[in-house]
Amino acid sequence: MREQCLVCGDPLINAARGRKRVYCNLTCRRKCERLLARLRRNLTRLEARKERCSEPGNTFSKSQIPYLLPRIEQAQGELDRLK
């Protein structure tokens, strides 16, 4: 399991029983919640932009798809890391 806080990297002190801690304090938990919300918004916007670029007859925008795909993968990777 995790030995350090997911956000700041400080060592975690876990009790002998119960759920293991992920964050060292409430500030780190809130910081992670804000970061997750921002990443989800960014991912939603990137996916919507990809859909718009994929529409038929949109030749310029189709050339933008190769630039969008790595950004989408990066945002998805960050979300997976923080969950």
N, C-alpha and C. Protein backbone atom coordinates (compact mmCIF):
# COMPACT_ATOMS: atom_id res chain seq x y z
N MET A 1 0.84 -1.19 0.00
CA MET A 1 0.00 0.00 0.00
C MET A 1 0.89 1.25 0.00
N ARG A 2 0.29 2.37 -0.07
CA ARG A 2 1.03 3.63 -0.11
C ARG A 2 1.67 3.92 1.24
N GLU A 3 2.90 4.36 1.19
CA GLU A 3 3.63 4.75 2.39
C GLU A 3 3.73 6.27 2.48
N GLN A 4 3.38 6.98 1.37
CA GLN A 4 3.51 8.43 1.33
C GLN A 4 2.19 9.05 0.86
N CYS A 5 2.02 10.32 1.22
CA CYS A 5 0.84 11.08 0.79
C CYS A 5 0.84 11.17 -0.74
N LEU A 6 -0.30 10.99 -1.33
CA LEU A 6 -0.44 11.01 -2.77
C LEU A 6 -0.12 12.39 -3.36
N VAL A 7 -0.33 13.44 -2.59
CA VAL A 7 -0.14 14.80 -3.10
C VAL A 7 1.24 15.36 -2.77
N CYS A 8 1.59 15.38 -1.50
CA CYS A 8 2.83 16.06 -1.10
C CYS A 8 4.00 15.12 -0.85
N GLY A 9 3.74 13.84 -0.70
CA GLY A 9 4.81 12.88 -0.51
C GLY A 9 5.27 12.71 0.93
N ASP A 10 4.62 13.38 1.87
CA ASP A 10 4.97 13.19 3.28
C ASP A 10 4.64 11.77 3.72
N PRO A 11 5.36 11.24 4.69
CA PRO A 11 5.07 9.89 5.17
C PRO A 11 3.71 9.83 5.85
N LEU A 12 3.02 8.72 5.66
CA LEU A 12 1.70 8.52 6.26
C LEU A 12 1.83 7.70 7.54
N ILE A 13 1.02 8.06 8.51
CA ILE A 13 0.96 7.30 9.76
C ILE A 13 -0.39 6.62 9.78
N ASN A 14 -0.39 5.31 9.62
CA ASN A 14 -1.63 4.55 9.58
C ASN A 14 -1.89 3.88 10.92
N ALA A 15 -3.16 3.81 11.28
CA ALA A 15 -3.55 3.11 12.49
C ALA A 15 -3.43 1.60 12.26
N ALA A 16 -3.46 0.86 13.33
CA ALA A 16 -3.33 -0.60 13.23
C ALA A 16 -4.55 -1.21 12.53
N ARG A 17 -5.70 -0.58 12.72
CA ARG A 17 -6.93 -1.09 12.12
C ARG A 17 -7.56 -0.02 11.25
N GLY A 18 -8.48 -0.44 10.41
CA GLY A 18 -9.22 0.51 9.59
C GLY A 18 -8.63 0.74 8.22
N ARG A 19 -9.23 1.66 7.53
CA ARG A 19 -8.81 1.97 6.17
C ARG A 19 -7.47 2.68 6.17
N LYS A 20 -6.64 2.31 5.23
CA LYS A 20 -5.33 2.93 5.10
C LYS A 20 -5.48 4.35 4.57
N ARG A 21 -4.64 5.24 5.05
CA ARG A 21 -4.70 6.64 4.62
C ARG A 21 -4.06 6.80 3.25
N VAL A 22 -4.56 7.78 2.52
CA VAL A 22 -4.01 8.12 1.21
C VAL A 22 -3.40 9.52 1.25
N TYR A 23 -3.98 10.38 2.07
CA TYR A 23 -3.53 11.77 2.20
C TYR A 23 -3.09 12.01 3.64
N CYS A 24 -2.12 12.90 3.81
CA CYS A 24 -1.62 13.16 5.16
C CYS A 24 -2.55 14.06 5.96
N ASN A 25 -3.31 14.93 5.29
CA ASN A 25 -4.23 15.81 6.01
C ASN A 25 -5.35 16.27 5.08
N LEU A 26 -6.25 17.05 5.61
CA LEU A 26 -7.42 17.52 4.85
C LEU A 26 -7.01 18.46 3.71
N THR A 27 -5.97 19.24 3.91
CA THR A 27 -5.52 20.16 2.87
C THR A 27 -5.09 19.39 1.62
N CYS A 28 -4.35 18.32 1.80
CA CYS A 28 -3.92 17.52 0.65
C CYS A 28 -5.11 16.83 -0.01
N ARG A 29 -6.07 16.39 0.78
CA ARG A 29 -7.26 15.77 0.21
C ARG A 29 -8.02 16.76 -0.67
N ARG A 30 -8.21 17.97 -0.19
CA ARG A 30 -8.92 19.00 -0.96
C ARG A 30 -8.13 19.40 -2.21
N LYS A 31 -6.82 19.48 -2.08
CA LYS A 31 -5.97 19.83 -3.22
C LYS A 31 -6.13 18.77 -4.31
N CYS A 32 -6.16 17.51 -3.92
CA CYS A 32 -6.32 16.43 -4.88
C CYS A 32 -7.72 16.46 -5.52
N GLU A 33 -8.75 16.78 -4.73
CA GLU A 33 -10.10 16.89 -5.28
C GLU A 33 -10.16 17.97 -6.35
N ARG A 34 -9.54 19.12 -6.08
CA ARG A 34 -9.52 20.21 -7.07
C ARG A 34 -8.75 19.80 -8.32
N LEU A 35 -7.64 19.12 -8.12
CA LEU A 35 -6.84 18.66 -9.25
C LEU A 35 -7.62 17.66 -10.10
N LEU A 36 -8.32 16.73 -9.45
CA LEU A 36 -9.13 15.75 -10.18
C LEU A 36 -10.24 16.43 -10.98
N ALA A 37 -10.88 17.41 -10.37
CA ALA A 37 -11.95 18.14 -11.07
C ALA A 37 -11.39 18.86 -12.30
N ARG A 38 -10.22 19.49 -12.13
CA ARG A 38 -9.61 20.20 -13.25
C ARG A 38 -9.20 19.23 -14.36
N LEU A 39 -8.64 18.07 -14.00
CA LEU A 39 -8.26 17.08 -15.00
C LEU A 39 -9.46 16.53 -15.74
N ARG A 40 -10.55 16.29 -15.01
CA ARG A 40 -11.78 15.78 -15.66
C ARG A 40 -12.34 16.80 -16.64
N ARG A 41 -12.35 18.09 -16.24
CA ARG A 41 -12.82 19.14 -17.15
C ARG A 41 -11.95 19.21 -18.40
N ASN A 42 -10.65 19.16 -18.20
CA ASN A 42 -9.71 19.23 -19.31
C ASN A 42 -9.91 18.04 -20.25
N LEU A 43 -10.06 16.85 -19.69
CA LEU A 43 -10.26 15.66 -20.50
C LEU A 43 -11.56 15.74 -21.29
N THR A 44 -12.62 16.22 -20.65
CA THR A 44 -13.91 16.38 -21.34
C THR A 44 -13.78 17.36 -22.50
N ARG A 45 -13.08 18.47 -22.28
CA ARG A 45 -12.90 19.46 -23.35
C ARG A 45 -12.07 18.90 -24.50
N LEU A 46 -11.01 18.17 -24.17
CA LEU A 46 -10.17 17.58 -25.22
C LEU A 46 -10.94 16.55 -26.04
N GLU A 47 -11.75 15.73 -25.37
CA GLU A 47 -12.53 14.72 -26.10
C GLU A 47 -13.60 15.37 -26.97
N ALA A 48 -14.21 16.46 -26.49
CA ALA A 48 -15.19 17.18 -27.30
C ALA A 48 -14.52 17.81 -28.52
N ARG A 49 -13.33 18.34 -28.32
CA ARG A 49 -12.59 18.93 -29.44
C ARG A 49 -12.22 17.87 -30.47
N LYS A 50 -11.85 16.69 -30.00
CA LYS A 50 -11.53 15.59 -30.91
C LYS A 50 -12.76 15.19 -31.72
N GLU A 51 -13.91 15.15 -31.07
CA GLU A 51 -15.16 14.82 -31.78
C GLU A 51 -15.47 15.87 -32.85
N ARG A 52 -15.29 17.15 -32.50
CA ARG A 52 -15.53 18.21 -33.49
C ARG A 52 -14.57 18.10 -34.66
N CYS A 53 -13.33 17.75 -34.38
CA CYS A 53 -12.34 17.61 -35.44
C CYS A 53 -12.60 16.41 -36.33
N SER A 54 -13.30 15.43 -35.81
CA SER A 54 -13.58 14.20 -36.56
C SER A 54 -14.79 14.31 -37.47
N GLU A 55 -15.50 15.42 -37.41
CA GLU A 55 -16.69 15.58 -38.24
C GLU A 55 -16.32 15.58 -39.72
N PRO A 56 -17.18 14.99 -40.56
CA PRO A 56 -16.89 14.96 -42.00
C PRO A 56 -16.85 16.36 -42.60
N GLY A 57 -15.96 16.55 -43.56
CA GLY A 57 -15.84 17.83 -44.24
C GLY A 57 -14.97 18.83 -43.52
N ASN A 58 -14.38 18.43 -42.43
CA ASN A 58 -13.57 19.33 -41.63
C ASN A 58 -12.10 18.97 -41.83
N THR A 59 -11.55 19.31 -43.00
CA THR A 59 -10.21 18.84 -43.37
C THR A 59 -9.10 19.45 -42.54
N PHE A 60 -9.17 20.74 -42.21
CA PHE A 60 -8.12 21.34 -41.40
C PHE A 60 -8.08 20.72 -40.00
N SER A 61 -9.25 20.56 -39.42
CA SER A 61 -9.30 20.05 -38.07
C SER A 61 -8.85 18.60 -37.97
N LYS A 62 -9.03 17.83 -39.04
CA LYS A 62 -8.57 16.44 -39.01
C LYS A 62 -7.06 16.37 -38.83
N SER A 63 -6.36 17.38 -39.30
CA SER A 63 -4.91 17.39 -39.12
C SER A 63 -4.52 17.66 -37.67
N GLN A 64 -5.45 18.13 -36.85
CA GLN A 64 -5.18 18.43 -35.45
C GLN A 64 -5.31 17.20 -34.54
N ILE A 65 -5.96 16.16 -35.03
CA ILE A 65 -6.20 14.97 -34.21
C ILE A 65 -4.90 14.33 -33.70
N PRO A 66 -3.85 14.19 -34.52
CA PRO A 66 -2.61 13.60 -33.98
C PRO A 66 -2.01 14.40 -32.82
N TYR A 67 -2.30 15.69 -32.75
CA TYR A 67 -1.80 16.51 -31.64
C TYR A 67 -2.69 16.39 -30.41
N LEU A 68 -3.96 16.07 -30.62
CA LEU A 68 -4.88 15.94 -29.50
C LEU A 68 -4.74 14.61 -28.78
N LEU A 69 -4.46 13.55 -29.51
CA LEU A 69 -4.42 12.21 -28.92
C LEU A 69 -3.40 12.08 -27.78
N PRO A 70 -2.16 12.57 -27.93
CA PRO A 70 -1.24 12.47 -26.79
C PRO A 70 -1.69 13.28 -25.57
N ARG A 71 -2.33 14.42 -25.81
CA ARG A 71 -2.82 15.22 -24.69
C ARG A 71 -3.95 14.51 -23.97
N ILE A 72 -4.81 13.83 -24.73
CA ILE A 72 -5.89 13.06 -24.12
C ILE A 72 -5.32 11.91 -23.30
N GLU A 73 -4.34 11.21 -23.86
CA GLU A 73 -3.71 10.09 -23.14
C GLU A 73 -3.00 10.58 -21.87
N GLN A 74 -2.36 11.72 -21.94
CA GLN A 74 -1.67 12.26 -20.78
C GLN A 74 -2.67 12.61 -19.67
N ALA A 75 -3.78 13.26 -20.04
CA ALA A 75 -4.80 13.62 -19.05
C ALA A 75 -5.41 12.37 -18.42
N GLN A 76 -5.66 11.35 -19.26
CA GLN A 76 -6.22 10.09 -18.75
C GLN A 76 -5.23 9.41 -17.80
N GLY A 77 -3.95 9.45 -18.15
CA GLY A 77 -2.93 8.86 -17.29
C GLY A 77 -2.83 9.54 -15.94
N GLU A 78 -2.93 10.87 -15.92
CA GLU A 78 -2.91 11.61 -14.67
C GLU A 78 -4.12 11.27 -13.81
N LEU A 79 -5.28 11.15 -14.45
CA LEU A 79 -6.48 10.76 -13.70
C LEU A 79 -6.32 9.38 -13.09
N ASP A 80 -5.79 8.46 -13.86
CA ASP A 80 -5.60 7.09 -13.36
C ASP A 80 -4.60 7.07 -12.20
N ARG A 81 -3.58 7.88 -12.28
CA ARG A 81 -2.57 7.91 -11.22
C ARG A 81 -3.14 8.43 -9.90
N LEU A 82 -4.04 9.41 -10.00
CA LEU A 82 -4.58 10.04 -8.79
C LEU A 82 -5.78 9.30 -8.19
N LYS A 83 -6.33 8.37 -8.90
CA LYS A 83 -7.48 7.64 -8.35
C LYS A 83 -7.07 6.57 -7.40
